[in-house]
Amino acid sequence: MLDPDAADSRRPRRRRRAGSLTKGGPDSLRRDVRRGSAPPQPSKRRAVAKFKNPDTDALVRRRLSKDSDDVDALFVLAAIRVRGGNVAEGISILDHVLRIDPKYPGAWRFKATLHRMQGEADSERSAQRKADEVER
């Protein structure tokens, strides 16, 4: 007959995961599910609406084709140009935005940031001062 303690000594012991005995550890949700106290999980059969990311560039072009002075579209266009690496063109577009609407929210701060990116400290300070004036 086999000694039960001897059989256990030959079998490798299972290690417990860190946090398995503590509340909120990695296994706590699994234990809660077994006990029936876990928060309800979303049904896998639930229909989820899938949205495609719009082509921002196309949307901006469409809005500007209807109204070439659409400051919102121009502001986004400036951001698109900067993101594409053309900071100088972004500043030029922002100048146009600020001619149309000198109090456009965030335009002066964005312009100051672009001047800083270009290494133009005087222009940055000027745009920063203008932003402070407009935001008062």
N, C-alpha and C. Protein backbone atom coordinates (compact mmCIF):
# COMPACT_ATOMS: atom_id res chain seq x y z
N MET A 1 0.84 -1.18 0.00
CA MET A 1 0.00 0.00 0.00
C MET A 1 0.88 1.25 0.00
N LEU A 2 0.44 2.25 -0.73
CA LEU A 2 1.21 3.49 -0.85
C LEU A 2 0.93 4.41 0.32
N ASP A 3 1.98 5.04 0.72
CA ASP A 3 1.86 6.04 1.78
C ASP A 3 1.35 7.34 1.14
N PRO A 4 0.20 7.91 1.60
CA PRO A 4 -0.34 9.13 0.97
C PRO A 4 0.62 10.30 1.04
N ASP A 5 1.42 10.38 2.10
CA ASP A 5 2.37 11.49 2.20
C ASP A 5 3.50 11.32 1.19
N ALA A 6 3.88 10.09 0.93
CA ALA A 6 4.96 9.82 -0.03
C ALA A 6 4.51 10.18 -1.44
N ALA A 7 3.26 9.89 -1.78
CA ALA A 7 2.74 10.21 -3.11
C ALA A 7 2.72 11.72 -3.32
N ASP A 8 2.36 12.47 -2.28
CA ASP A 8 2.32 13.92 -2.38
C ASP A 8 3.71 14.51 -2.56
N SER A 9 4.71 13.85 -1.98
CA SER A 9 6.05 14.42 -2.07
C SER A 9 6.61 14.27 -3.49
N ARG A 10 6.14 13.25 -4.24
CA ARG A 10 6.60 13.08 -5.61
C ARG A 10 5.89 14.02 -6.59
N ARG A 11 4.70 14.42 -6.26
CA ARG A 11 3.91 15.30 -7.14
C ARG A 11 4.35 16.75 -6.92
N PRO A 12 4.64 17.48 -8.01
CA PRO A 12 5.05 18.88 -7.82
C PRO A 12 3.90 19.70 -7.24
N ARG A 13 4.25 20.57 -6.35
CA ARG A 13 3.22 21.41 -5.73
C ARG A 13 2.83 22.53 -6.67
N ARG A 14 1.56 22.82 -6.70
CA ARG A 14 1.08 23.95 -7.51
C ARG A 14 1.32 25.23 -6.75
N ARG A 15 1.87 26.19 -7.44
CA ARG A 15 2.13 27.47 -6.81
C ARG A 15 0.90 28.34 -6.94
N ARG A 16 0.62 29.08 -5.90
CA ARG A 16 -0.50 30.00 -5.96
C ARG A 16 -0.04 31.30 -6.60
N ARG A 17 -0.93 31.87 -7.37
CA ARG A 17 -0.62 33.15 -8.00
C ARG A 17 -0.62 34.25 -6.96
N ALA A 18 0.20 35.25 -7.21
CA ALA A 18 0.23 36.40 -6.31
C ALA A 18 -1.13 37.07 -6.35
N GLY A 19 -1.64 37.36 -5.19
CA GLY A 19 -2.91 38.04 -5.12
C GLY A 19 -4.11 37.12 -5.15
N SER A 20 -3.89 35.81 -5.22
CA SER A 20 -5.04 34.93 -5.34
C SER A 20 -5.80 34.83 -4.02
N LEU A 21 -5.14 35.13 -2.91
CA LEU A 21 -5.83 35.06 -1.63
C LEU A 21 -6.25 36.42 -1.13
N THR A 22 -5.87 37.45 -1.82
CA THR A 22 -6.21 38.79 -1.39
C THR A 22 -7.41 39.30 -2.17
N LYS A 23 -8.16 40.14 -1.53
CA LYS A 23 -9.33 40.71 -2.19
C LYS A 23 -8.87 41.65 -3.30
N GLY A 24 -9.43 41.48 -4.47
CA GLY A 24 -9.11 42.36 -5.59
C GLY A 24 -7.91 41.91 -6.38
N GLY A 25 -7.37 40.72 -6.07
CA GLY A 25 -6.23 40.21 -6.81
C GLY A 25 -6.66 39.75 -8.19
N PRO A 26 -5.73 39.25 -8.99
CA PRO A 26 -6.05 38.87 -10.37
C PRO A 26 -7.07 37.75 -10.48
N ASP A 27 -7.15 36.90 -9.44
CA ASP A 27 -8.10 35.79 -9.51
C ASP A 27 -9.42 36.11 -8.84
N SER A 28 -9.55 37.31 -8.28
CA SER A 28 -10.76 37.59 -7.50
C SER A 28 -12.01 37.57 -8.36
N LEU A 29 -11.93 38.06 -9.59
CA LEU A 29 -13.11 38.05 -10.46
C LEU A 29 -13.50 36.62 -10.79
N ARG A 30 -12.49 35.77 -11.04
CA ARG A 30 -12.77 34.37 -11.36
C ARG A 30 -13.47 33.71 -10.16
N ARG A 31 -12.99 33.97 -8.95
CA ARG A 31 -13.62 33.39 -7.76
C ARG A 31 -15.03 33.92 -7.59
N ASP A 32 -15.19 35.24 -7.82
CA ASP A 32 -16.52 35.84 -7.66
C ASP A 32 -17.50 35.25 -8.66
N VAL A 33 -17.05 34.95 -9.86
CA VAL A 33 -17.93 34.36 -10.86
C VAL A 33 -18.40 32.99 -10.38
N ARG A 34 -17.46 32.21 -9.81
CA ARG A 34 -17.85 30.90 -9.30
C ARG A 34 -18.85 31.02 -8.18
N ARG A 35 -18.73 32.04 -7.34
CA ARG A 35 -19.66 32.23 -6.23
C ARG A 35 -20.97 32.86 -6.67
N GLY A 36 -21.00 33.43 -7.84
CA GLY A 36 -22.22 34.06 -8.32
C GLY A 36 -22.35 35.50 -7.91
N SER A 37 -21.27 36.14 -7.45
CA SER A 37 -21.37 37.52 -6.99
C SER A 37 -20.63 38.50 -7.90
N ALA A 38 -20.17 38.05 -9.05
CA ALA A 38 -19.43 38.92 -9.95
C ALA A 38 -20.37 39.91 -10.63
N PRO A 39 -19.86 41.06 -11.00
CA PRO A 39 -20.70 42.02 -11.73
C PRO A 39 -21.11 41.42 -13.07
N PRO A 40 -22.28 41.79 -13.55
CA PRO A 40 -22.73 41.22 -14.82
C PRO A 40 -21.81 41.62 -15.96
N GLN A 41 -21.51 40.69 -16.80
CA GLN A 41 -20.66 40.93 -17.96
C GLN A 41 -21.54 41.18 -19.17
N PRO A 42 -21.10 42.04 -20.10
CA PRO A 42 -21.91 42.30 -21.28
C PRO A 42 -22.08 41.02 -22.11
N SER A 43 -23.25 40.90 -22.67
CA SER A 43 -23.54 39.73 -23.50
C SER A 43 -22.72 39.78 -24.77
N LYS A 44 -22.22 38.64 -25.18
CA LYS A 44 -21.43 38.59 -26.41
C LYS A 44 -22.31 38.73 -27.63
N ARG A 45 -23.58 38.55 -27.47
CA ARG A 45 -24.50 38.63 -28.60
C ARG A 45 -25.03 40.04 -28.83
N ARG A 46 -24.68 40.96 -27.94
CA ARG A 46 -25.17 42.33 -28.05
C ARG A 46 -24.62 42.97 -29.31
N ALA A 47 -25.48 43.63 -30.03
CA ALA A 47 -25.06 44.31 -31.26
C ALA A 47 -24.30 45.57 -30.89
N VAL A 48 -23.17 45.76 -31.50
CA VAL A 48 -22.35 46.94 -31.26
C VAL A 48 -22.23 47.69 -32.57
N ALA A 49 -22.55 48.97 -32.50
CA ALA A 49 -22.45 49.78 -33.71
C ALA A 49 -20.98 50.02 -34.01
N LYS A 50 -20.61 49.82 -35.23
CA LYS A 50 -19.23 50.06 -35.65
C LYS A 50 -19.20 51.31 -36.51
N PHE A 51 -18.34 52.23 -36.10
CA PHE A 51 -18.20 53.48 -36.84
C PHE A 51 -16.83 53.51 -37.48
N LYS A 52 -16.79 53.96 -38.69
CA LYS A 52 -15.52 54.15 -39.36
C LYS A 52 -15.02 55.54 -39.00
N ASN A 53 -13.71 55.67 -38.86
CA ASN A 53 -13.15 57.00 -38.62
C ASN A 53 -13.31 57.82 -39.88
N PRO A 54 -13.89 58.99 -39.74
CA PRO A 54 -14.07 59.82 -40.94
C PRO A 54 -12.73 60.33 -41.45
N ASP A 55 -12.66 60.55 -42.71
CA ASP A 55 -11.47 61.13 -43.31
C ASP A 55 -11.53 62.63 -43.04
N THR A 56 -10.83 63.05 -42.02
CA THR A 56 -10.89 64.44 -41.57
C THR A 56 -10.51 65.40 -42.68
N ASP A 57 -9.49 65.04 -43.43
CA ASP A 57 -9.04 65.91 -44.52
C ASP A 57 -10.16 66.12 -45.54
N ALA A 58 -10.88 65.05 -45.86
CA ALA A 58 -11.99 65.16 -46.82
C ALA A 58 -13.12 66.01 -46.25
N LEU A 59 -13.41 65.84 -44.96
CA LEU A 59 -14.48 66.64 -44.33
C LEU A 59 -14.11 68.13 -44.35
N VAL A 60 -12.86 68.43 -44.06
CA VAL A 60 -12.41 69.83 -44.06
C VAL A 60 -12.51 70.41 -45.46
N ARG A 61 -12.05 69.65 -46.45
CA ARG A 61 -12.13 70.13 -47.84
C ARG A 61 -13.58 70.39 -48.25
N ARG A 62 -14.48 69.49 -47.83
CA ARG A 62 -15.90 69.65 -48.18
C ARG A 62 -16.46 70.92 -47.55
N ARG A 63 -16.12 71.16 -46.27
CA ARG A 63 -16.65 72.36 -45.60
C ARG A 63 -16.06 73.63 -46.21
N LEU A 64 -14.77 73.59 -46.57
CA LEU A 64 -14.15 74.78 -47.16
C LEU A 64 -14.64 75.03 -48.57
N SER A 65 -15.09 73.98 -49.27
CA SER A 65 -15.63 74.19 -50.62
C SER A 65 -16.98 74.92 -50.54
N LYS A 66 -17.70 74.73 -49.44
CA LYS A 66 -18.98 75.43 -49.26
C LYS A 66 -18.77 76.85 -48.74
N ASP A 67 -17.76 77.01 -47.83
CA ASP A 67 -17.48 78.32 -47.24
C ASP A 67 -15.98 78.42 -46.99
N SER A 68 -15.30 79.20 -47.81
CA SER A 68 -13.84 79.27 -47.70
C SER A 68 -13.38 80.00 -46.44
N ASP A 69 -14.29 80.67 -45.75
CA ASP A 69 -13.95 81.37 -44.51
C ASP A 69 -14.50 80.66 -43.28
N ASP A 70 -14.71 79.36 -43.35
CA ASP A 70 -15.18 78.57 -42.21
C ASP A 70 -14.01 78.42 -41.24
N VAL A 71 -14.05 79.20 -40.14
CA VAL A 71 -12.91 79.24 -39.23
C VAL A 71 -12.66 77.89 -38.54
N ASP A 72 -13.70 77.14 -38.26
CA ASP A 72 -13.51 75.84 -37.63
C ASP A 72 -12.74 74.90 -38.56
N ALA A 73 -13.16 74.88 -39.81
CA ALA A 73 -12.49 74.02 -40.79
C ALA A 73 -11.06 74.50 -41.03
N LEU A 74 -10.85 75.80 -41.07
CA LEU A 74 -9.51 76.33 -41.27
C LEU A 74 -8.59 75.98 -40.09
N PHE A 75 -9.12 76.07 -38.89
CA PHE A 75 -8.33 75.73 -37.70
C PHE A 75 -7.90 74.26 -37.76
N VAL A 76 -8.84 73.39 -38.12
CA VAL A 76 -8.52 71.95 -38.24
C VAL A 76 -7.51 71.74 -39.36
N LEU A 77 -7.67 72.46 -40.46
CA LEU A 77 -6.73 72.36 -41.57
C LEU A 77 -5.32 72.75 -41.13
N ALA A 78 -5.21 73.79 -40.31
CA ALA A 78 -3.90 74.20 -39.79
C ALA A 78 -3.29 73.06 -38.97
N ALA A 79 -4.11 72.43 -38.14
CA ALA A 79 -3.62 71.31 -37.33
C ALA A 79 -3.19 70.14 -38.20
N ILE A 80 -3.94 69.88 -39.26
CA ILE A 80 -3.58 68.79 -40.18
C ILE A 80 -2.24 69.08 -40.85
N ARG A 81 -2.05 70.32 -41.28
CA ARG A 81 -0.79 70.68 -41.94
C ARG A 81 0.39 70.54 -40.97
N VAL A 82 0.20 70.98 -39.73
CA VAL A 82 1.26 70.87 -38.73
C VAL A 82 1.57 69.40 -38.45
N ARG A 83 0.54 68.60 -38.32
CA ARG A 83 0.73 67.17 -38.07
C ARG A 83 1.49 66.51 -39.22
N GLY A 84 1.28 67.02 -40.42
CA GLY A 84 1.99 66.52 -41.58
C GLY A 84 3.41 67.07 -41.70
N GLY A 85 3.81 67.92 -40.77
CA GLY A 85 5.16 68.44 -40.77
C GLY A 85 5.34 69.81 -41.38
N ASN A 86 4.26 70.45 -41.82
CA ASN A 86 4.36 71.75 -42.46
C ASN A 86 3.90 72.84 -41.48
N VAL A 87 4.77 73.18 -40.55
CA VAL A 87 4.44 74.15 -39.50
C VAL A 87 4.23 75.55 -40.08
N ALA A 88 5.05 75.92 -41.04
CA ALA A 88 4.94 77.27 -41.64
C ALA A 88 3.56 77.45 -42.28
N GLU A 89 3.09 76.44 -42.99
CA GLU A 89 1.76 76.55 -43.60
C GLU A 89 0.67 76.59 -42.53
N GLY A 90 0.87 75.86 -41.43
CA GLY A 90 -0.08 75.91 -40.31
C GLY A 90 -0.19 77.31 -39.74
N ILE A 91 0.96 77.99 -39.60
CA ILE A 91 0.95 79.37 -39.09
C ILE A 91 0.24 80.29 -40.08
N SER A 92 0.48 80.11 -41.35
CA SER A 92 -0.17 80.92 -42.37
C SER A 92 -1.69 80.76 -42.33
N ILE A 93 -2.14 79.52 -42.17
CA ILE A 93 -3.59 79.27 -42.10
C ILE A 93 -4.16 79.88 -40.82
N LEU A 94 -3.42 79.77 -39.72
CA LEU A 94 -3.88 80.39 -38.46
C LEU A 94 -3.96 81.91 -38.59
N ASP A 95 -3.05 82.51 -39.32
CA ASP A 95 -3.13 83.97 -39.55
C ASP A 95 -4.44 84.32 -40.25
N HIS A 96 -4.84 83.48 -41.22
CA HIS A 96 -6.11 83.71 -41.92
C HIS A 96 -7.29 83.55 -40.95
N VAL A 97 -7.23 82.53 -40.09
CA VAL A 97 -8.29 82.32 -39.09
C VAL A 97 -8.40 83.56 -38.21
N LEU A 98 -7.27 84.08 -37.77
CA LEU A 98 -7.28 85.22 -36.84
C LEU A 98 -7.65 86.53 -37.53
N ARG A 99 -7.48 86.63 -38.84
CA ARG A 99 -8.00 87.80 -39.56
C ARG A 99 -9.52 87.76 -39.61
N ILE A 100 -10.07 86.56 -39.77
CA ILE A 100 -11.53 86.42 -39.82
C ILE A 100 -12.15 86.60 -38.44
N ASP A 101 -11.55 85.93 -37.43
CA ASP A 101 -12.08 85.97 -36.07
C ASP A 101 -10.91 86.08 -35.08
N PRO A 102 -10.55 87.31 -34.70
CA PRO A 102 -9.40 87.50 -33.81
C PRO A 102 -9.57 86.89 -32.41
N LYS A 103 -10.78 86.54 -32.05
CA LYS A 103 -11.02 85.95 -30.73
C LYS A 103 -11.34 84.46 -30.81
N TYR A 104 -10.94 83.83 -31.89
CA TYR A 104 -11.21 82.39 -32.04
C TYR A 104 -10.52 81.63 -30.91
N PRO A 105 -11.29 80.81 -30.17
CA PRO A 105 -10.75 80.12 -28.98
C PRO A 105 -9.55 79.23 -29.31
N GLY A 106 -8.47 79.46 -28.62
CA GLY A 106 -7.29 78.62 -28.74
C GLY A 106 -6.37 78.93 -29.90
N ALA A 107 -6.79 79.79 -30.82
CA ALA A 107 -5.98 80.06 -32.01
C ALA A 107 -4.67 80.76 -31.66
N TRP A 108 -4.73 81.73 -30.75
CA TRP A 108 -3.51 82.44 -30.39
C TRP A 108 -2.54 81.52 -29.64
N ARG A 109 -3.07 80.67 -28.76
CA ARG A 109 -2.21 79.73 -28.02
C ARG A 109 -1.58 78.72 -28.99
N PHE A 110 -2.38 78.26 -29.94
CA PHE A 110 -1.86 77.31 -30.93
C PHE A 110 -0.78 77.98 -31.77
N LYS A 111 -1.02 79.23 -32.13
CA LYS A 111 -0.04 79.97 -32.92
C LYS A 111 1.26 80.15 -32.12
N ALA A 112 1.15 80.44 -30.83
CA ALA A 112 2.34 80.58 -29.98
C ALA A 112 3.12 79.26 -29.94
N THR A 113 2.41 78.16 -29.84
CA THR A 113 3.05 76.84 -29.83
C THR A 113 3.80 76.60 -31.14
N LEU A 114 3.17 76.95 -32.25
CA LEU A 114 3.81 76.74 -33.55
C LEU A 114 5.05 77.60 -33.71
N HIS A 115 4.99 78.84 -33.22
CA HIS A 115 6.17 79.70 -33.28
C HIS A 115 7.30 79.12 -32.41
N ARG A 116 6.94 78.54 -31.25
CA ARG A 116 7.94 77.90 -30.41
C ARG A 116 8.57 76.72 -31.14
N MET A 117 7.74 75.96 -31.87
CA MET A 117 8.24 74.82 -32.64
C MET A 117 9.23 75.28 -33.71
N GLN A 118 9.00 76.46 -34.24
CA GLN A 118 9.86 77.02 -35.28
C GLN A 118 11.10 77.72 -34.70
N GLY A 119 11.13 77.87 -33.37
CA GLY A 119 12.26 78.55 -32.73
C GLY A 119 12.15 80.06 -32.80
N GLU A 120 10.96 80.58 -32.98
CA GLU A 120 10.72 82.02 -33.10
C GLU A 120 10.22 82.56 -31.76
N ALA A 121 11.15 82.87 -30.86
CA ALA A 121 10.81 83.25 -29.49
C ALA A 121 10.01 84.56 -29.42
N ASP A 122 10.39 85.57 -30.22
CA ASP A 122 9.68 86.85 -30.19
C ASP A 122 8.24 86.69 -30.65
N SER A 123 8.05 85.96 -31.73
CA SER A 123 6.69 85.73 -32.24
C SER A 123 5.87 84.92 -31.26
N GLU A 124 6.53 83.98 -30.58
CA GLU A 124 5.82 83.18 -29.57
C GLU A 124 5.32 84.06 -28.43
N ARG A 125 6.21 84.92 -27.92
CA ARG A 125 5.81 85.82 -26.82
C ARG A 125 4.69 86.74 -27.25
N SER A 126 4.75 87.24 -28.47
CA SER A 126 3.72 88.14 -28.99
C SER A 126 2.37 87.42 -29.05
N ALA A 127 2.38 86.20 -29.58
CA ALA A 127 1.13 85.44 -29.67
C ALA A 127 0.60 85.07 -28.28
N GLN A 128 1.52 84.79 -27.36
CA GLN A 128 1.12 84.46 -25.99
C GLN A 128 0.46 85.66 -25.31
N ARG A 129 1.03 86.86 -25.51
CA ARG A 129 0.43 88.08 -24.95
C ARG A 129 -0.96 88.31 -25.53
N LYS A 130 -1.08 88.13 -26.85
CA LYS A 130 -2.38 88.32 -27.50
C LYS A 130 -3.39 87.31 -26.96
N ALA A 131 -2.95 86.09 -26.73
CA ALA A 131 -3.85 85.06 -26.16
C ALA A 131 -4.34 85.49 -24.78
N ASP A 132 -3.43 86.03 -23.98
CA ASP A 132 -3.82 86.48 -22.63
C ASP A 132 -4.85 87.61 -22.71
N GLU A 133 -4.64 88.54 -23.67
CA GLU A 133 -5.59 89.66 -23.84
C GLU A 133 -6.95 89.15 -24.26
N VAL A 134 -6.98 88.26 -25.23
CA VAL A 134 -8.24 87.76 -25.78
C VAL A 134 -9.02 86.95 -24.75
N GLU A 135 -8.32 86.21 -23.91
CA GLU A 135 -8.98 85.32 -22.95
C GLU A 135 -9.48 86.04 -21.71
N ARG A 136 -9.20 87.33 -21.58
CA ARG A 136 -9.69 88.09 -20.41
C ARG A 136 -11.14 88.40 -20.52
